[in-house]
PDB file of N, CA and C in Angstrom:
ATOM      1  N   UNK A   1      31.695   1.999 233.700  1.00  0.00           N
ATOM      2  CA  UNK A   1      32.017   1.512 232.387  1.00  0.00           C
ATOM      3  C   UNK A   1      31.717   0.023 232.293  1.00  0.00           C
ATOM      4  N   UNK A   2      31.899  -0.492 231.129  1.00  0.00           N
ATOM      5  CA  UNK A   2      31.734  -1.926 230.918  1.00  0.00           C
ATOM      6  C   UNK A   2      33.107  -2.548 230.750  1.00  0.00           C
ATOM      7  N   UNK A   3      33.232  -3.791 231.125  1.00  0.00           N
ATOM      8  CA  UNK A   3      34.503  -4.501 231.060  1.00  0.00           C
ATOM      9  C   UNK A   3      34.331  -5.714 230.177  1.00  0.00           C
ATOM     10  N   UNK A   4      35.120  -5.785 229.140  1.00  0.00           N
ATOM     11  CA  UNK A   4      35.053  -6.904 228.203  1.00  0.00           C
ATOM     12  C   UNK A   4      36.408  -7.575 228.129  1.00  0.00           C
ATOM     13  N   UNK A   5      36.433  -8.886 227.981  1.00  0.00           N
ATOM     14  CA  UNK A   5      37.721  -9.539 227.751  1.00  0.00           C
ATOM     15  C   UNK A   5      38.253  -9.125 226.383  1.00  0.00           C
ATOM     16  N   UNK A   6      39.555  -9.268 226.224  1.00  0.00           N
ATOM     17  CA  UNK A   6      40.207  -8.875 224.980  1.00  0.00           C
ATOM     18  C   UNK A   6      39.580  -9.574 223.776  1.00  0.00           C
ATOM     19  N   UNK A   7      39.129 -10.817 223.957  1.00  0.00           N
ATOM     20  CA  UNK A   7      38.545 -11.568 222.840  1.00  0.00           C
ATOM     21  C   UNK A   7      37.333 -10.847 222.252  1.00  0.00           C
ATOM     22  N   UNK A   8      36.516 -10.211 223.094  1.00  0.00           N
ATOM     23  CA  UNK A   8      35.345  -9.482 222.595  1.00  0.00           C
ATOM     24  C   UNK A   8      35.751  -8.194 221.898  1.00  0.00           C
ATOM     25  N   UNK A   9      36.807  -7.579 222.381  1.00  0.00           N
ATOM     26  CA  UNK A   9      37.254  -6.318 221.790  1.00  0.00           C
ATOM     27  C   UNK A   9      37.790  -6.544 220.387  1.00  0.00           C
ATOM     28  N   UNK A  10      38.414  -7.700 220.162  1.00  0.00           N
ATOM     29  CA  UNK A  10      38.982  -7.972 218.838  1.00  0.00           C
ATOM     30  C   UNK A  10      37.992  -8.659 217.896  1.00  0.00           C
ATOM     31  N   UNK A  11      36.722  -8.726 218.289  1.00  0.00           N
ATOM     32  CA  UNK A  11      35.723  -9.170 217.346  1.00  0.00           C
ATOM     33  C   UNK A  11      34.939 -10.421 217.666  1.00  0.00           C
ATOM     34  N   UNK A  12      35.326 -11.180 218.694  1.00  0.00           N
ATOM     35  CA  UNK A  12      34.543 -12.358 219.036  1.00  0.00           C
ATOM     36  C   UNK A  12      33.229 -11.930 219.673  1.00  0.00           C
ATOM     37  N   UNK A  13      32.217 -12.766 219.527  1.00  0.00           N
ATOM     38  CA  UNK A  13      30.909 -12.449 220.092  1.00  0.00           C
ATOM     39  C   UNK A  13      30.915 -12.592 221.604  1.00  0.00           C
ATOM     40  N   UNK A  14      30.117 -11.760 222.257  1.00  0.00           N
ATOM     41  CA  UNK A  14      29.943 -11.865 223.700  1.00  0.00           C
ATOM     42  C   UNK A  14      29.240 -13.184 224.022  1.00  0.00           C
ATOM     43  N   UNK A  15      29.533 -13.716 225.195  1.00  0.00           N
ATOM     44  CA  UNK A  15      28.965 -14.997 225.606  1.00  0.00           C
ATOM     45  C   UNK A  15      28.828 -15.008 227.122  1.00  0.00           C
ATOM     46  N   UNK A  16      28.335 -16.102 227.642  1.00  0.00           N
ATOM     47  CA  UNK A  16      28.257 -16.246 229.102  1.00  0.00           C
ATOM     48  C   UNK A  16      29.655 -16.192 229.704  1.00  0.00           C
ATOM     49  N   UNK A  17      30.657 -16.719 228.986  1.00  0.00           N
ATOM     50  CA  UNK A  17      32.033 -16.670 229.485  1.00  0.00           C
ATOM     51  C   UNK A  17      32.558 -15.243 229.543  1.00  0.00           C
ATOM     52  N   UNK A  18      32.235 -14.421 228.555  1.00  0.00           N
ATOM     53  CA  UNK A  18      32.690 -13.029 228.598  1.00  0.00           C
ATOM     54  C   UNK A  18      31.928 -12.245 229.664  1.00  0.00           C
ATOM     55  N   UNK A  19      30.674 -12.608 229.897  1.00  0.00           N
ATOM     56  CA  UNK A  19      29.919 -11.986 230.993  1.00  0.00           C
ATOM     57  C   UNK A  19      30.545 -12.331 232.342  1.00  0.00           C
ATOM     58  N   UNK A  20      31.016 -13.570 232.500  1.00  0.00           N
ATOM     59  CA  UNK A  20      31.665 -13.974 233.741  1.00  0.00           C
ATOM     60  C   UNK A  20      32.937 -13.168 233.954  1.00  0.00           C
ATOM     61  N   UNK A  21      33.691 -12.928 232.881  1.00  0.00           N
ATOM     62  CA  UNK A  21      34.898 -12.095 232.967  1.00  0.00           C
ATOM     63  C   UNK A  21      34.514 -10.704 233.472  1.00  0.00           C
ATOM     64  N   UNK A  22      33.485 -10.120 232.878  1.00  0.00           N
ATOM     65  CA  UNK A  22      33.057  -8.781 233.281  1.00  0.00           C
ATOM     66  C   UNK A  22      32.659  -8.748 234.757  1.00  0.00           C
ATOM     67  N   UNK A  23      31.940  -9.760 235.198  1.00  0.00           N
ATOM     68  CA  UNK A  23      31.543  -9.819 236.606  1.00  0.00           C
ATOM     69  C   UNK A  23      32.780  -9.992 237.490  1.00  0.00           C
ATOM     70  N   UNK A  24      33.748 -10.760 237.018  1.00  0.00           N
ATOM     71  CA  UNK A  24      34.989 -10.938 237.770  1.00  0.00           C
ATOM     72  C   UNK A  24      35.740  -9.630 237.945  1.00  0.00           C
ATOM     73  N   UNK A  25      35.736  -8.787 236.919  1.00  0.00           N
ATOM     74  CA  UNK A  25      36.388  -7.473 237.022  1.00  0.00           C
ATOM     75  C   UNK A  25      35.662  -6.626 238.063  1.00  0.00           C
ATOM     76  N   UNK A  26      34.335  -6.668 238.068  1.00  0.00           N
ATOM     77  CA  UNK A  26      33.567  -5.913 239.064  1.00  0.00           C
ATOM     78  C   UNK A  26      33.887  -6.430 240.472  1.00  0.00           C
ATOM     79  N   UNK A  27      33.910  -7.764 240.657  1.00  0.00           N
ATOM     80  CA  UNK A  27      34.262  -8.344 241.957  1.00  0.00           C
ATOM     81  C   UNK A  27      35.675  -7.907 242.367  1.00  0.00           C
ATOM     82  N   UNK A  28      36.623  -7.972 241.422  1.00  0.00           N
ATOM     83  CA  UNK A  28      38.012  -7.581 241.715  1.00  0.00           C
ATOM     84  C   UNK A  28      38.081  -6.104 242.087  1.00  0.00           C
ATOM     85  N   UNK A  29      37.322  -5.285 241.395  1.00  0.00           N
ATOM     86  CA  UNK A  29      37.303  -3.852 241.675  1.00  0.00           C
ATOM     87  C   UNK A  29      36.795  -3.595 243.097  1.00  0.00           C
ATOM     88  N   UNK A  30      35.751  -4.307 243.496  1.00  0.00           N
ATOM     89  CA  UNK A  30      35.229  -4.171 244.860  1.00  0.00           C
ATOM     90  C   UNK A  30      36.219  -4.706 245.895  1.00  0.00           C
ATOM     91  N   UNK A  31      36.791  -5.859 245.603  1.00  0.00           N
ATOM     92  CA  UNK A  31      37.700  -6.535 246.537  1.00  0.00           C
ATOM     93  C   UNK A  31      38.975  -5.722 246.760  1.00  0.00           C
ATOM     94  N   UNK A  32      39.466  -5.055 245.703  1.00  0.00           N
ATOM     95  CA  UNK A  32      40.732  -4.316 245.786  1.00  0.00           C
ATOM     96  C   UNK A  32      40.517  -2.816 246.004  1.00  0.00           C
ATOM     97  N   UNK A  33      39.283  -2.404 246.222  1.00  0.00           N
ATOM     98  CA  UNK A  33      38.962  -0.972 246.388  1.00  0.00           C
ATOM     99  C   UNK A  33      39.444  -0.162 245.189  1.00  0.00           C
ATOM    100  N   UNK A  34      39.082  -0.636 244.011  1.00  0.00           N
ATOM    101  CA  UNK A  34      39.362   0.036 242.725  1.00  0.00           C
ATOM    102  C   UNK A  34      40.841   0.122 242.386  1.00  0.00           C
ATOM    103  N   UNK A  35      41.619  -0.896 242.769  1.00  0.00           N
ATOM    104  CA  UNK A  35      43.047  -0.901 242.419  1.00  0.00           C
ATOM    105  C   UNK A  35      43.378  -2.024 241.444  1.00  0.00           C
ATOM    106  N   UNK A  36      42.440  -2.394 240.604  1.00  0.00           N
ATOM    107  CA  UNK A  36      42.673  -3.464 239.626  1.00  0.00           C
ATOM    108  C   UNK A  36      43.750  -2.994 238.644  1.00  0.00           C
ATOM    109  N   UNK A  37      44.825  -3.783 238.483  1.00  0.00           N
ATOM    110  CA  UNK A  37      45.921  -3.350 237.603  1.00  0.00           C
ATOM    111  C   UNK A  37      45.623  -3.593 236.122  1.00  0.00           C
ATOM    112  N   UNK A  38      45.689  -2.528 235.361  1.00  0.00           N
ATOM    113  CA  UNK A  38      45.496  -2.598 233.915  1.00  0.00           C
ATOM    114  C   UNK A  38      46.718  -2.013 233.224  1.00  0.00           C
ATOM    115  N   UNK A  39      46.895  -2.380 231.984  1.00  0.00           N
ATOM    116  CA  UNK A  39      47.938  -1.772 231.162  1.00  0.00           C
ATOM    117  C   UNK A  39      47.282  -1.268 229.880  1.00  0.00           C
ATOM    118  N   UNK A  40      47.743  -0.124 229.381  1.00  0.00           N
ATOM    119  CA  UNK A  40      47.159   0.390 228.130  1.00  0.00           C
ATOM    120  C   UNK A  40      47.631  -0.446 226.938  1.00  0.00           C
ATOM    121  N   UNK A  41      46.721  -0.719 226.029  1.00  0.00           N
ATOM    122  CA  UNK A  41      47.063  -1.414 224.780  1.00  0.00           C
ATOM    123  C   UNK A  41      46.296  -0.740 223.649  1.00  0.00           C
ATOM    124  N   UNK A  42      46.841  -0.807 222.454  1.00  0.00           N
ATOM    125  CA  UNK A  42      46.150  -0.298 221.284  1.00  0.00           C
ATOM    126  C   UNK A  42      45.592  -1.468 220.493  1.00  0.00           C
ATOM    127  N   UNK A  43      44.337  -1.370 220.129  1.00  0.00           N
ATOM    128  CA  UNK A  43      43.717  -2.341 219.238  1.00  0.00           C
ATOM    129  C   UNK A  43      43.176  -1.515 218.081  1.00  0.00           C
ATOM    130  N   UNK A  44      43.850  -1.651 216.946  1.00  0.00           N
ATOM    131  CA  UNK A  44      43.537  -0.769 215.832  1.00  0.00           C
ATOM    132  C   UNK A  44      43.919   0.653 216.227  1.00  0.00           C
ATOM    133  N   UNK A  45      42.980   1.549 216.143  1.00  0.00           N
ATOM    134  CA  UNK A  45      43.218   2.943 216.534  1.00  0.00           C
ATOM    135  C   UNK A  45      42.720   3.243 217.941  1.00  0.00           C
ATOM    136  N   UNK A  46      42.162   2.250 218.591  1.00  0.00           N
ATOM    137  CA  UNK A  46      41.550   2.476 219.900  1.00  0.00           C
ATOM    138  C   UNK A  46      42.509   2.122 221.033  1.00  0.00           C
ATOM    139  N   UNK A  47      42.555   2.973 222.025  1.00  0.00           N
ATOM    140  CA  UNK A  47      43.331   2.702 223.222  1.00  0.00           C
ATOM    141  C   UNK A  47      42.421   1.984 224.215  1.00  0.00           C
ATOM    142  N   UNK A  48      42.825   0.817 224.640  1.00  0.00           N
ATOM    143  CA  UNK A  48      42.044  -0.001 225.577  1.00  0.00           C
ATOM    144  C   UNK A  48      42.882  -0.247 226.823  1.00  0.00           C
ATOM    145  N   UNK A  49      42.246  -0.849 227.813  1.00  0.00           N
ATOM    146  CA  UNK A  49      42.959  -1.262 229.021  1.00  0.00           C
ATOM    147  C   UNK A  49      42.841  -2.776 229.143  1.00  0.00           C
ATOM    148  N   UNK A  50      43.974  -3.414 229.325  1.00  0.00           N
ATOM    149  CA  UNK A  50      44.017  -4.873 229.453  1.00  0.00           C
ATOM    150  C   UNK A  50      44.425  -5.237 230.877  1.00  0.00           C
ATOM    151  N   UNK A  51      43.751  -6.219 231.434  1.00  0.00           N
ATOM    152  CA  UNK A  51      44.038  -6.687 232.784  1.00  0.00           C
ATOM    153  C   UNK A  51      45.436  -7.282 232.859  1.00  0.00           C
ATOM    154  N   UNK A  52      46.178  -6.909 233.881  1.00  0.00           N
ATOM    155  CA  UNK A  52      47.498  -7.491 234.138  1.00  0.00           C
ATOM    156  C   UNK A  52      47.288  -8.626 235.150  1.00  0.00           C
ATOM    157  N   UNK A  53      47.109  -9.841 234.631  1.00  0.00           N
ATOM    158  CA  UNK A  53      46.729 -10.991 235.459  1.00  0.00           C
ATOM    159  C   UNK A  53      47.702 -11.262 236.603  1.00  0.00           C
ATOM    160  N   UNK A  54      49.001 -11.278 236.337  1.00  0.00           N
ATOM    161  CA  UNK A  54      49.966 -11.573 237.404  1.00  0.00           C
ATOM    162  C   UNK A  54      49.920 -10.511 238.490  1.00  0.00           C
ATOM    163  N   UNK A  55      49.800  -9.250 238.100  1.00  0.00           N
ATOM    164  CA  UNK A  55      49.735  -8.180 239.091  1.00  0.00           C
ATOM    165  C   UNK A  55      48.456  -8.283 239.921  1.00  0.00           C
ATOM    166  N   UNK A  56      47.354  -8.694 239.289  1.00  0.00           N
ATOM    167  CA  UNK A  56      46.109  -8.866 240.036  1.00  0.00           C
ATOM    168  C   UNK A  56      46.259  -9.985 241.068  1.00  0.00           C
ATOM    169  N   UNK A  57      46.842 -11.100 240.676  1.00  0.00           N
ATOM    170  CA  UNK A  57      47.024 -12.219 241.616  1.00  0.00           C
ATOM    171  C   UNK A  57      47.865 -11.781 242.803  1.00  0.00           C
ATOM    172  N   UNK A  58      48.951 -11.091 242.536  1.00  0.00           N
ATOM    173  CA  UNK A  58      49.824 -10.638 243.618  1.00  0.00           C
ATOM    174  C   UNK A  58      49.092  -9.665 244.547  1.00  0.00           C
ATOM    175  N   UNK A  59      48.336  -8.724 243.979  1.00  0.00           N
ATOM    176  CA  UNK A  59      47.588  -7.750 244.774  1.00  0.00           C
ATOM    177  C   UNK A  59      46.536  -8.446 245.638  1.00  0.00           C
ATOM    178  N   UNK A  60      45.798  -9.392 245.063  1.00  0.00           N
ATOM    179  CA  UNK A  60      44.767 -10.099 245.818  1.00  0.00           C
ATOM    180  C   UNK A  60      45.368 -10.836 247.016  1.00  0.00           C
ATOM    181  N   UNK A  61      46.488 -11.512 246.799  1.00  0.00           N
ATOM    182  CA  UNK A  61      47.120 -12.258 247.887  1.00  0.00           C
ATOM    183  C   UNK A  61      47.613 -11.306 248.971  1.00  0.00           C
ATOM    184  N   UNK A  62      48.222 -10.189 248.588  1.00  0.00           N
ATOM    185  CA  UNK A  62      48.692  -9.224 249.584  1.00  0.00           C
ATOM    186  C   UNK A  62      47.538  -8.668 250.404  1.00  0.00           C
ATOM    187  N   UNK A  63      46.410  -8.382 249.765  1.00  0.00           N
ATOM    188  CA  UNK A  63      45.263  -7.821 250.477  1.00  0.00           C
ATOM    189  C   UNK A  63      44.641  -8.814 251.449  1.00  0.00           C
ATOM    190  N   UNK A  64      44.746 -10.093 251.159  1.00  0.00           N
ATOM    191  CA  UNK A  64      44.111 -11.115 252.003  1.00  0.00           C
ATOM    192  C   UNK A  64      44.867 -11.365 253.298  1.00  0.00           C
ATOM    193  N   UNK A  65      46.137 -11.047 253.354  1.00  0.00           N
ATOM    194  CA  UNK A  65      46.957 -11.198 254.554  1.00  0.00           C
ATOM    195  C   UNK A  65      46.803 -12.588 255.192  1.00  0.00           C
ATOM    196  N   UNK A  66      46.927 -13.598 254.374  1.00  0.00           N
ATOM    197  CA  UNK A  66      46.904 -15.004 254.816  1.00  0.00           C
ATOM    198  C   UNK A  66      45.562 -15.470 255.376  1.00  0.00           C
ATOM    199  N   UNK A  67      44.484 -14.749 255.161  1.00  0.00           N
ATOM    200  CA  UNK A  67      43.151 -15.178 255.592  1.00  0.00           C
ATOM    201  C   UNK A  67      42.638 -16.195 254.577  1.00  0.00           C
ATOM    202  N   UNK A  68      42.450 -17.445 255.008  1.00  0.00           N
ATOM    203  CA  UNK A  68      42.101 -18.533 254.092  1.00  0.00           C
ATOM    204  C   UNK A  68      40.797 -18.278 253.339  1.00  0.00           C
ATOM    205  N   UNK A  69      39.762 -17.779 254.022  1.00  0.00           N
ATOM    206  CA  UNK A  69      38.486 -17.514 253.345  1.00  0.00           C
ATOM    207  C   UNK A  69      38.645 -16.437 252.274  1.00  0.00           C
ATOM    208  N   UNK A  70      39.402 -15.398 252.607  1.00  0.00           N
ATOM    209  CA  UNK A  70      39.628 -14.335 251.630  1.00  0.00           C
ATOM    210  C   UNK A  70      40.465 -14.837 250.460  1.00  0.00           C
ATOM    211  N   UNK A  71      41.443 -15.689 250.745  1.00  0.00           N
ATOM    212  CA  UNK A  71      42.268 -16.244 249.664  1.00  0.00           C
ATOM    213  C   UNK A  71      41.441 -17.133 248.741  1.00  0.00           C
ATOM    214  N   UNK A  72      40.444 -17.833 249.277  1.00  0.00           N
ATOM    215  CA  UNK A  72      39.549 -18.630 248.434  1.00  0.00           C
ATOM    216  C   UNK A  72      38.685 -17.715 247.552  1.00  0.00           C
ATOM    217  N   UNK A  73      38.214 -16.613 248.116  1.00  0.00           N
ATOM    218  CA  UNK A  73      37.444 -15.654 247.320  1.00  0.00           C
ATOM    219  C   UNK A  73      38.339 -15.034 246.250  1.00  0.00           C
ATOM    220  N   UNK A  74      39.585 -14.744 246.605  1.00  0.00           N
ATOM    221  CA  UNK A  74      40.539 -14.207 245.627  1.00  0.00           C
ATOM    222  C   UNK A  74      40.747 -15.203 244.486  1.00  0.00           C
ATOM    223  N   UNK A  75      40.840 -16.499 244.834  1.00  0.00           N
ATOM    224  CA  UNK A  75      41.007 -17.530 243.804  1.00  0.00           C
ATOM    225  C   UNK A  75      39.792 -17.586 242.886  1.00  0.00           C
ATOM    226  N   UNK A  76      38.609 -17.421 243.465  1.00  0.00           N
ATOM    227  CA  UNK A  76      37.390 -17.425 242.654  1.00  0.00           C
ATOM    228  C   UNK A  76      37.385 -16.225 241.701  1.00  0.00           C
ATOM    229  N   UNK A  77      37.741 -15.061 242.211  1.00  0.00           N
ATOM    230  CA  UNK A  77      37.809 -13.862 241.356  1.00  0.00           C
ATOM    231  C   UNK A  77      38.814 -14.095 240.238  1.00  0.00           C
ATOM    232  N   UNK A  78      39.974 -14.632 240.582  1.00  0.00           N
ATOM    233  CA  UNK A  78      41.004 -14.868 239.570  1.00  0.00           C
ATOM    234  C   UNK A  78      40.517 -15.869 238.526  1.00  0.00           C
ATOM    235  N   UNK A  79      39.740 -16.861 238.956  1.00  0.00           N
ATOM    236  CA  UNK A  79      39.162 -17.842 238.023  1.00  0.00           C
ATOM    237  C   UNK A  79      38.151 -17.158 237.088  1.00  0.00           C
ATOM    238  N   UNK A  80      37.399 -16.205 237.618  1.00  0.00           N
ATOM    239  CA  UNK A  80      36.383 -15.511 236.817  1.00  0.00           C
ATOM    240  C   UNK A  80      37.002 -14.687 235.690  1.00  0.00           C
ATOM    241  N   UNK A  81      38.225 -14.191 235.892  1.00  0.00           N
ATOM    242  CA  UNK A  81      38.879 -13.369 234.863  1.00  0.00           C
ATOM    243  C   UNK A  81      39.973 -14.146 234.136  1.00  0.00           C
ATOM    244  N   UNK A  82      39.911 -15.465 234.222  1.00  0.00           N
ATOM    245  CA  UNK A  82      40.921 -16.313 233.591  1.00  0.00           C
ATOM    246  C   UNK A  82      41.044 -15.970 232.117  1.00  0.00           C
ATOM    247  N   UNK A  83      42.269 -16.028 231.602  1.00  0.00           N
ATOM    248  CA  UNK A  83      42.490 -15.709 230.190  1.00  0.00           C
ATOM    249  C   UNK A  83      41.836 -16.717 229.260  1.00  0.00           C
ATOM    250  N   UNK A  84      41.690 -17.955 229.715  1.00  0.00           N
ATOM    251  CA  UNK A  84      41.019 -18.990 228.926  1.00  0.00           C
ATOM    252  C   UNK A  84      39.535 -18.978 229.293  1.00  0.00           C
ATOM    253  N   UNK A  85      38.657 -18.576 228.372  1.00  0.00           N
ATOM    254  CA  UNK A  85      37.233 -18.496 228.691  1.00  0.00           C
ATOM    255  C   UNK A  85      36.647 -19.806 229.219  1.00  0.00           C
ATOM    256  N   UNK A  86      37.177 -20.939 228.782  1.00  0.00           N
ATOM    257  CA  UNK A  86      36.642 -22.227 229.225  1.00  0.00           C
ATOM    258  C   UNK A  86      37.036 -22.561 230.663  1.00  0.00           C
ATOM    259  N   UNK A  87      37.998 -21.841 231.216  1.00  0.00           N
ATOM    260  CA  UNK A  87      38.420 -22.070 232.602  1.00  0.00           C
ATOM    261  C   UNK A  87      37.590 -21.243 233.587  1.00  0.00           C
ATOM    262  N   UNK A  88      36.760 -20.337 233.069  1.00  0.00           N
ATOM    263  CA  UNK A  88      35.919 -19.519 233.946  1.00  0.00           C
ATOM    264  C   UNK A  88      34.718 -20.340 234.415  1.00  0.00           C
ATOM    265  N   UNK A  89      34.251 -20.106 235.655  1.00  0.00           N
ATOM    266  CA  UNK A  89      33.081 -20.859 236.125  1.00  0.00           C
ATOM    267  C   UNK A  89      31.819 -20.401 235.405  1.00  0.00           C
ATOM    268  N   UNK A  90      30.845 -21.279 235.335  1.00  0.00           N
ATOM    269  CA  UNK A  90      29.531 -20.890 234.802  1.00  0.00           C
ATOM    270  C   UNK A  90      28.816 -20.081 235.879  1.00  0.00           C
ATOM    271  N   UNK A  91      27.756 -19.412 235.504  1.00  0.00           N
ATOM    272  CA  UNK A  91      26.970 -18.641 236.475  1.00  0.00           C
ATOM    273  C   UNK A  91      26.392 -19.564 237.543  1.00  0.00           C
ATOM    274  N   UNK A  92      25.908 -20.737 237.140  1.00  0.00           N
ATOM    275  CA  UNK A  92      25.360 -21.695 238.110  1.00  0.00           C
ATOM    276  C   UNK A  92      26.434 -22.163 239.089  1.00  0.00           C
ATOM    277  N   UNK A  93      27.639 -22.453 238.574  1.00  0.00           N
ATOM    278  CA  UNK A  93      28.732 -22.894 239.445  1.00  0.00           C
ATOM    279  C   UNK A  93      29.127 -21.781 240.409  1.00  0.00           C
ATOM    280  N   UNK A  94      29.133 -20.541 239.925  1.00  0.00           N
ATOM    281  CA  UNK A  94      29.467 -19.406 240.782  1.00  0.00           C
ATOM    282  C   UNK A  94      28.465 -19.276 241.928  1.00  0.00           C
ATOM    283  N   UNK A  95      27.178 -19.349 241.600  1.00  0.00           N
ATOM    284  CA  UNK A  95      26.137 -19.251 242.635  1.00  0.00           C
ATOM    285  C   UNK A  95      26.280 -20.389 243.641  1.00  0.00           C
ATOM    286  N   UNK A  96      26.511 -21.600 243.152  1.00  0.00           N
ATOM    287  CA  UNK A  96      26.676 -22.748 244.055  1.00  0.00           C
ATOM    288  C   UNK A  96      27.859 -22.549 245.001  1.00  0.00           C
ATOM    289  N   UNK A  97      28.970 -22.012 244.490  1.00  0.00           N
ATOM    290  CA  UNK A  97      30.133 -21.781 245.350  1.00  0.00           C
ATOM    291  C   UNK A  97      29.843 -20.688 246.379  1.00  0.00           C
ATOM    292  N   UNK A  98      29.222 -19.604 245.929  1.00  0.00           N
ATOM    293  CA  UNK A  98      28.950 -18.493 246.848  1.00  0.00           C
ATOM    294  C   UNK A  98      27.926 -18.869 247.921  1.00  0.00           C
ATOM    295  N   UNK A  99      27.024 -19.782 247.590  1.00  0.00           N
ATOM    296  CA  UNK A  99      26.028 -20.229 248.566  1.00  0.00           C
ATOM    297  C   UNK A  99      26.539 -21.376 249.429  1.00  0.00           C
ATOM    298  N   UNK A 100      27.727 -21.877 249.142  1.00  0.00           N
ATOM    299  CA  UNK A 100      28.309 -22.938 249.945  1.00  0.00           C
ATOM    300  C   UNK A 100      27.866 -24.332 249.568  1.00  0.00           C
ATOM    301  N   UNK A 101      27.193 -24.485 248.417  1.00  0.00           N
ATOM    302  CA  UNK A 101      26.746 -25.813 247.984  1.00  0.00           C
ATOM    303  C   UNK A 101      27.880 -26.641 247.388  1.00  0.00           C
ATOM    304  N   UNK A 102      28.856 -25.968 246.797  1.00  0.00           N
ATOM    305  CA  UNK A 102      30.036 -26.643 246.265  1.00  0.00           C
ATOM    306  C   UNK A 102      31.259 -25.917 246.824  1.00  0.00           C
ATOM    307  N   UNK A 103      32.388 -26.622 246.925  1.00  0.00           N
ATOM    308  CA  UNK A 103      33.572 -25.991 247.517  1.00  0.00           C
ATOM    309  C   UNK A 103      34.114 -24.852 246.658  1.00  0.00           C
ATOM    310  N   UNK A 104      34.653 -23.870 247.352  1.00  0.00           N
ATOM    311  CA  UNK A 104      35.347 -22.764 246.677  1.00  0.00           C
ATOM    312  C   UNK A 104      36.672 -23.302 246.152  1.00  0.00           C
ATOM    313  N   UNK A 105      37.304 -22.573 245.217  1.00  0.00           N
ATOM    314  CA  UNK A 105      38.622 -23.007 244.739  1.00  0.00           C
ATOM    315  C   UNK A 105      39.645 -23.010 245.882  1.00  0.00           C
ATOM    316  N   UNK A 106      40.742 -23.709 245.669  1.00  0.00           N
ATOM    317  CA  UNK A 106      41.835 -23.684 246.638  1.00  0.00           C
ATOM    318  C   UNK A 106      42.335 -22.250 246.784  1.00  0.00           C
ATOM    319  N   UNK A 107      42.838 -21.884 247.959  1.00  0.00           N
ATOM    320  CA  UNK A 107      43.309 -20.507 248.163  1.00  0.00           C
ATOM    321  C   UNK A 107      44.344 -20.095 247.120  1.00  0.00           C
ATOM    322  N   UNK A 108      44.247 -18.857 246.692  1.00  0.00           N
ATOM    323  CA  UNK A 108      45.185 -18.315 245.716  1.00  0.00           C
ATOM    324  C   UNK A 108      46.556 -18.170 246.366  1.00  0.00           C
ATOM    325  N   UNK A 109      47.589 -18.585 245.666  1.00  0.00           N
ATOM    326  CA  UNK A 109      48.961 -18.477 246.163  1.00  0.00           C
ATOM    327  C   UNK A 109      49.755 -17.564 245.244  1.00  0.00           C
ATOM    328  N   UNK A 110      50.602 -16.739 245.849  1.00  0.00           N
ATOM    329  CA  UNK A 110      51.511 -15.915 245.055  1.00  0.00           C
ATOM    330  C   UNK A 110      52.831 -15.827 245.762  1.00  0.00           C
ATOM    331  N   UNK A 111      53.931 -16.094 245.121  1.00  0.00           N
ATOM    332  CA  UNK A 111      53.981 -16.543 243.732  1.00  0.00           C
ATOM    333  C   UNK A 111      53.371 -17.931 243.599  1.00  0.00           C
ATOM    334  N   UNK A 112      52.945 -18.278 242.385  1.00  0.00           N
ATOM    335  CA  UNK A 112      52.308 -19.585 242.203  1.00  0.00           C
ATOM    336  C   UNK A 112      53.283 -20.703 242.555  1.00  0.00           C
ATOM    337  N   UNK A 113      52.736 -21.840 243.018  1.00  0.00           N
ATOM    338  CA  UNK A 113      53.622 -22.962 243.335  1.00  0.00           C
ATOM    339  C   UNK A 113      54.334 -23.442 242.071  1.00  0.00           C
ATOM    340  N   UNK A 114      55.557 -23.962 242.223  1.00  0.00           N
ATOM    341  CA  UNK A 114      56.275 -24.436 241.035  1.00  0.00           C
ATOM    342  C   UNK A 114      55.569 -25.618 240.403  1.00  0.00           C
ATOM    343  N   UNK A 115      55.704 -25.710 239.107  1.00  0.00           N
ATOM    344  CA  UNK A 115      55.128 -26.854 238.389  1.00  0.00           C
ATOM    345  C   UNK A 115      55.915 -28.109 238.767  1.00  0.00           C
ATOM    346  N   UNK A 116      55.229 -29.260 238.813  1.00  0.00           N
ATOM    347  CA  UNK A 116      55.961 -30.492 239.128  1.00  0.00           C
ATOM    348  C   UNK A 116      57.024 -30.778 238.064  1.00  0.00           C
ATOM    349  N   UNK A 117      58.119 -31.329 238.517  1.00  0.00           N
ATOM    350  CA  UNK A 117      59.197 -31.664 237.580  1.00  0.00           C
ATOM    351  C   UNK A 117      58.713 -32.755 236.641  1.00  0.00           C
ATOM    352  N   UNK A 118      59.096 -32.617 235.410  1.00  0.00           N
ATOM    353  CA  UNK A 118      58.749 -33.653 234.430  1.00  0.00           C
ATOM    354  C   UNK A 118      60.031 -34.325 233.969  1.00  0.00           C
ATOM    355  N   UNK A 119      59.909 -35.593 233.703  1.00  0.00           N
ATOM    356  CA  UNK A 119      61.065 -36.316 233.204  1.00  0.00           C
ATOM    357  C   UNK A 119      61.004 -36.308 231.695  1.00  0.00           C
ATOM    358  N   UNK A 120      62.146 -36.125 231.135  1.00  0.00           N
ATOM    359  CA  UNK A 120      62.233 -36.101 229.675  1.00  0.00           C
ATOM    360  C   UNK A 120      62.539 -37.506 229.164  1.00  0.00           C
ATOM    361  N   UNK A 121      61.711 -37.974 228.279  1.00  0.00           N
ATOM    362  CA  UNK A 121      61.923 -39.297 227.691  1.00  0.00           C
ATOM    363  C   UNK A 121      62.650 -39.116 226.386  1.00  0.00           C
ATOM    364  N   UNK A 122      63.748 -39.852 226.242  1.00  0.00           N
ATOM    365  CA  UNK A 122      64.568 -39.720 225.028  1.00  0.00           C
ATOM    366  C   UNK A 122      64.426 -40.955 224.184  1.00  0.00           C
TER     367      UNK A 122
END
């Protein structure tokens, strides 16, 4: 099948960013041996499957068993399916990372590290 981000399903045009999402789903499917977590959603009259991002992150980290290289690949996959299309890598950036020309993302952590405390100014 084909995998599209929710934005394309609800009417936005396909783009390089949506193609990166689709490739990320394929990578995740290979990495997790077809255990990518989806949830059913209705869009209009159509039943679709939406990626469960938190469940995917947790599954990827569990499968990596603390292997740093695998956790970096998991982070790259998670970046490819990011909910914000602008946070996804470009095809050129992806190739550069996979070929070792630029650093891979930091290893994926689950649960995610806590956000830094912010001070409230009154």
